[in-house]
Amino acid sequence: LDDLQTAFTAEVEAKNELLQQNFHLRGLIQGAHIDHARSVAEAENERTKLKEQVVEAAEIVKENDREAFQVLENEKMKILVSVDALEVKIKSLVNTVEYFKGEMEKISANN
């Protein structure tokens, strides 16, 4: 009977030990789940931040492109105005040359 009592006590102690180990393992598993969830949330947060930064950078690039295009457009308009002014001056010079040619021909004809 003592042997059975000793065996029973040993089994109860072994069962208690297993229950404690099981409780400890469940705590570790729960901690791992919490860490995983936290890591997923942090990764999602970082992904969102990165996405926002990319969108912001794209907007900056777009704005810079718009500004550069506007500067180019303004410069093009200035050049076109200058070209138009030069064309008017050239036409005026051509007319002046034609006038002087005519005057020279008149002078030559009178001499």
C-alpha atoms as a PDB file:
ATOM      1  CA  LEU A   1       0.000   0.000   0.000  1.00  0.00           C
ATOM      2  CA  ASP A   2       2.903   2.357   0.734  1.00  0.00           C
ATOM      3  CA  ASP A   3       4.286   1.699  -2.725  1.00  0.00           C
ATOM      4  CA  LEU A   4       0.946   2.566  -4.286  1.00  0.00           C
ATOM      5  CA  GLN A   5       0.725   5.688  -2.128  1.00  0.00           C
ATOM      6  CA  THR A   6       4.263   6.707  -3.168  1.00  0.00           C
ATOM      7  CA  ALA A   7       3.493   6.016  -6.845  1.00  0.00           C
ATOM      8  CA  PHE A   8       0.244   7.972  -6.571  1.00  0.00           C
ATOM      9  CA  THR A   9       2.014  10.912  -4.905  1.00  0.00           C
ATOM     10  CA  ALA A  10       4.728  10.809  -7.603  1.00  0.00           C
ATOM     11  CA  GLU A  11       2.060  10.826 -10.337  1.00  0.00           C
ATOM     12  CA  VAL A  12       0.244  13.747  -8.676  1.00  0.00           C
ATOM     13  CA  GLU A  13       3.516  15.665  -8.426  1.00  0.00           C
ATOM     14  CA  ALA A  14       4.338  14.838 -12.068  1.00  0.00           C
ATOM     15  CA  LYS A  15       0.858  15.988 -13.115  1.00  0.00           C
ATOM     16  CA  ASN A  16       1.275  19.224 -11.135  1.00  0.00           C
ATOM     17  CA  GLU A  17       4.667  19.740 -12.738  1.00  0.00           C
ATOM     18  CA  LEU A  18       3.129  19.205 -16.184  1.00  0.00           C
ATOM     19  CA  LEU A  19       0.316  21.629 -15.370  1.00  0.00           C
ATOM     20  CA  GLN A  20       2.860  24.250 -14.301  1.00  0.00           C
ATOM     21  CA  GLN A  21       4.882  23.705 -17.465  1.00  0.00           C
ATOM     22  CA  ASN A  22       1.684  23.875 -19.537  1.00  0.00           C
ATOM     23  CA  PHE A  23       0.717  27.134 -17.808  1.00  0.00           C
ATOM     24  CA  HIS A  24       4.194  28.532 -18.450  1.00  0.00           C
ATOM     25  CA  LEU A  25       4.112  27.449 -22.115  1.00  0.00           C
ATOM     26  CA  ARG A  26       0.667  29.000 -22.568  1.00  0.00           C
ATOM     27  CA  GLY A  27       2.069  32.248 -21.170  1.00  0.00           C
ATOM     28  CA  LEU A  28       4.973  32.084 -23.611  1.00  0.00           C
ATOM     29  CA  ILE A  29       2.614  31.370 -26.505  1.00  0.00           C
ATOM     30  CA  GLN A  30       0.349  34.237 -25.466  1.00  0.00           C
ATOM     31  CA  GLY A  31       3.389  36.512 -25.221  1.00  0.00           C
ATOM     32  CA  ALA A  32       4.486  35.394 -28.689  1.00  0.00           C
ATOM     33  CA  HIS A  33       1.023  36.164 -30.051  1.00  0.00           C
ATOM     34  CA  ILE A  34       1.105  39.606 -28.433  1.00  0.00           C
ATOM     35  CA  ASP A  35       4.606  40.250 -29.804  1.00  0.00           C
ATOM     36  CA  HIS A  36       3.477  39.115 -33.249  1.00  0.00           C
ATOM     37  CA  ALA A  37       0.419  41.367 -33.154  1.00  0.00           C
ATOM     38  CA  ARG A  38       2.574  44.274 -31.990  1.00  0.00           C
ATOM     39  CA  SER A  39       5.093  43.595 -34.765  1.00  0.00           C
ATOM     40  CA  VAL A  40       2.328  43.428 -37.373  1.00  0.00           C
ATOM     41  CA  ALA A  41       0.857  46.696 -36.079  1.00  0.00           C
ATOM     42  CA  GLU A  42       4.275  48.380 -36.114  1.00  0.00           C
ATOM     43  CA  ALA A  43       4.974  47.097 -39.629  1.00  0.00           C
ATOM     44  CA  GLU A  44       1.588  48.377 -40.796  1.00  0.00           C
ATOM     45  CA  ASN A  45       2.272  51.717 -39.126  1.00  0.00           C
ATOM     46  CA  GLU A  46       5.684  51.958 -40.815  1.00  0.00           C
ATOM     47  CA  ARG A  47       4.131  50.967 -44.159  1.00  0.00           C
ATOM     48  CA  THR A  48       1.511  53.687 -43.753  1.00  0.00           C
ATOM     49  CA  LYS A  49       4.180  56.257 -42.858  1.00  0.00           C
ATOM     50  CA  LEU A  50       6.282  55.193 -45.837  1.00  0.00           C
ATOM     51  CA  LYS A  51       3.254  55.400 -48.117  1.00  0.00           C
ATOM     52  CA  GLU A  52       2.513  58.909 -46.827  1.00  0.00           C
ATOM     53  CA  GLN A  53       6.137  59.922 -47.407  1.00  0.00           C
ATOM     54  CA  VAL A  54       6.035  58.550 -50.956  1.00  0.00           C
ATOM     55  CA  VAL A  55       2.781  60.391 -51.659  1.00  0.00           C
ATOM     56  CA  GLU A  56       4.245  63.589 -50.193  1.00  0.00           C
ATOM     57  CA  ALA A  57       7.427  63.190 -52.260  1.00  0.00           C
ATOM     58  CA  ALA A  58       5.335  62.613 -55.381  1.00  0.00           C
ATOM     59  CA  GLU A  59       3.346  65.774 -54.658  1.00  0.00           C
ATOM     60  CA  ILE A  60       6.566  67.746 -54.196  1.00  0.00           C
ATOM     61  CA  VAL A  61       7.919  66.402 -57.484  1.00  0.00           C
ATOM     62  CA  LYS A  62       4.623  67.228 -59.202  1.00  0.00           C
ATOM     63  CA  GLU A  63       4.658  70.760 -57.813  1.00  0.00           C
ATOM     64  CA  ASN A  64       8.287  71.226 -58.836  1.00  0.00           C
ATOM     65  CA  ASP A  65       7.423  69.961 -62.323  1.00  0.00           C
ATOM     66  CA  ARG A  66       4.534  72.422 -62.518  1.00  0.00           C
ATOM     67  CA  GLU A  67       6.755  75.266 -61.371  1.00  0.00           C
ATOM     68  CA  ALA A  68       9.519  74.289 -63.809  1.00  0.00           C
ATOM     69  CA  PHE A  69       6.988  74.059 -66.630  1.00  0.00           C
ATOM     70  CA  GLN A  70       5.640  77.498 -65.724  1.00  0.00           C
ATOM     71  CA  VAL A  71       9.159  78.961 -65.702  1.00  0.00           C
ATOM     72  CA  LEU A  72       9.835  77.396 -69.110  1.00  0.00           C
ATOM     73  CA  GLU A  73       6.528  78.681 -70.429  1.00  0.00           C
ATOM     74  CA  ASN A  74       7.339  82.194 -69.177  1.00  0.00           C
ATOM     75  CA  GLU A  75      10.792  82.064 -70.770  1.00  0.00           C
ATOM     76  CA  LYS A  76       9.280  80.820 -74.024  1.00  0.00           C
ATOM     77  CA  MET A  77       6.849  83.732 -74.027  1.00  0.00           C
ATOM     78  CA  LYS A  78       9.697  86.202 -73.387  1.00  0.00           C
ATOM     79  CA  ILE A  79      11.676  84.699 -76.269  1.00  0.00           C
ATOM     80  CA  LEU A  80       8.654  84.844 -78.575  1.00  0.00           C
ATOM     81  CA  VAL A  81       8.107  88.504 -77.687  1.00  0.00           C
ATOM     82  CA  SER A  82      11.803  89.185 -78.367  1.00  0.00           C
ATOM     83  CA  VAL A  83      11.595  87.331 -81.689  1.00  0.00           C
ATOM     84  CA  ASP A  84       8.509  89.320 -82.654  1.00  0.00           C
ATOM     85  CA  ALA A  85      10.277  92.567 -81.728  1.00  0.00           C
ATOM     86  CA  LEU A  86      13.342  91.537 -83.760  1.00  0.00           C
ATOM     87  CA  GLU A  87      11.139  90.684 -86.737  1.00  0.00           C
ATOM     88  CA  VAL A  88       9.562  94.155 -86.536  1.00  0.00           C
ATOM     89  CA  LYS A  89      13.036  95.761 -86.357  1.00  0.00           C
ATOM     90  CA  ILE A  90      14.261  93.676 -89.308  1.00  0.00           C
ATOM     91  CA  LYS A  91      11.223  94.668 -91.362  1.00  0.00           C
ATOM     92  CA  SER A  92      11.841  98.303 -90.437  1.00  0.00           C
ATOM     93  CA  LEU A  93      15.499  98.000 -91.423  1.00  0.00           C
ATOM     94  CA  VAL A  94      14.558  96.321 -94.702  1.00  0.00           C
ATOM     95  CA  ASN A  95      12.104  99.152 -95.396  1.00  0.00           C
ATOM     96  CA  THR A  96      14.756 101.712 -94.540  1.00  0.00           C
ATOM     97  CA  VAL A  97      17.262 100.002 -96.849  1.00  0.00           C
ATOM     98  CA  GLU A  98      14.659  99.912 -99.624  1.00  0.00           C
ATOM     99  CA  TYR A  99      13.909 103.590 -99.061  1.00  0.00           C
ATOM    100  CA  PHE A 100      17.609 104.503 -99.236  1.00  0.00           C
ATOM    101  CA  LYS A 101      18.037 102.362-102.365  1.00  0.00           C
ATOM    102  CA  GLY A 102      15.179 104.261-103.945  1.00  0.00           C
ATOM    103  CA  GLU A 103      16.686 107.583-102.884  1.00  0.00           C
ATOM    104  CA  MET A 104      20.083 106.548-104.238  1.00  0.00           C
ATOM    105  CA  GLU A 105      18.498 105.536-107.542  1.00  0.00           C
ATOM    106  CA  LYS A 106      16.758 108.947-107.730  1.00  0.00           C
ATOM    107  CA  ILE A 107      20.054 110.733-106.966  1.00  0.00           C
ATOM    108  CA  SER A 108      21.857 108.604-109.557  1.00  0.00           C
ATOM    109  CA  ALA A 109      19.134 109.316-112.120  1.00  0.00           C
ATOM    110  CA  ASN A 110      19.335 113.096-111.435  1.00  0.00           C
ATOM    111  CA  ASN A 111      23.120 113.145-111.858  1.00  0.00           C
END
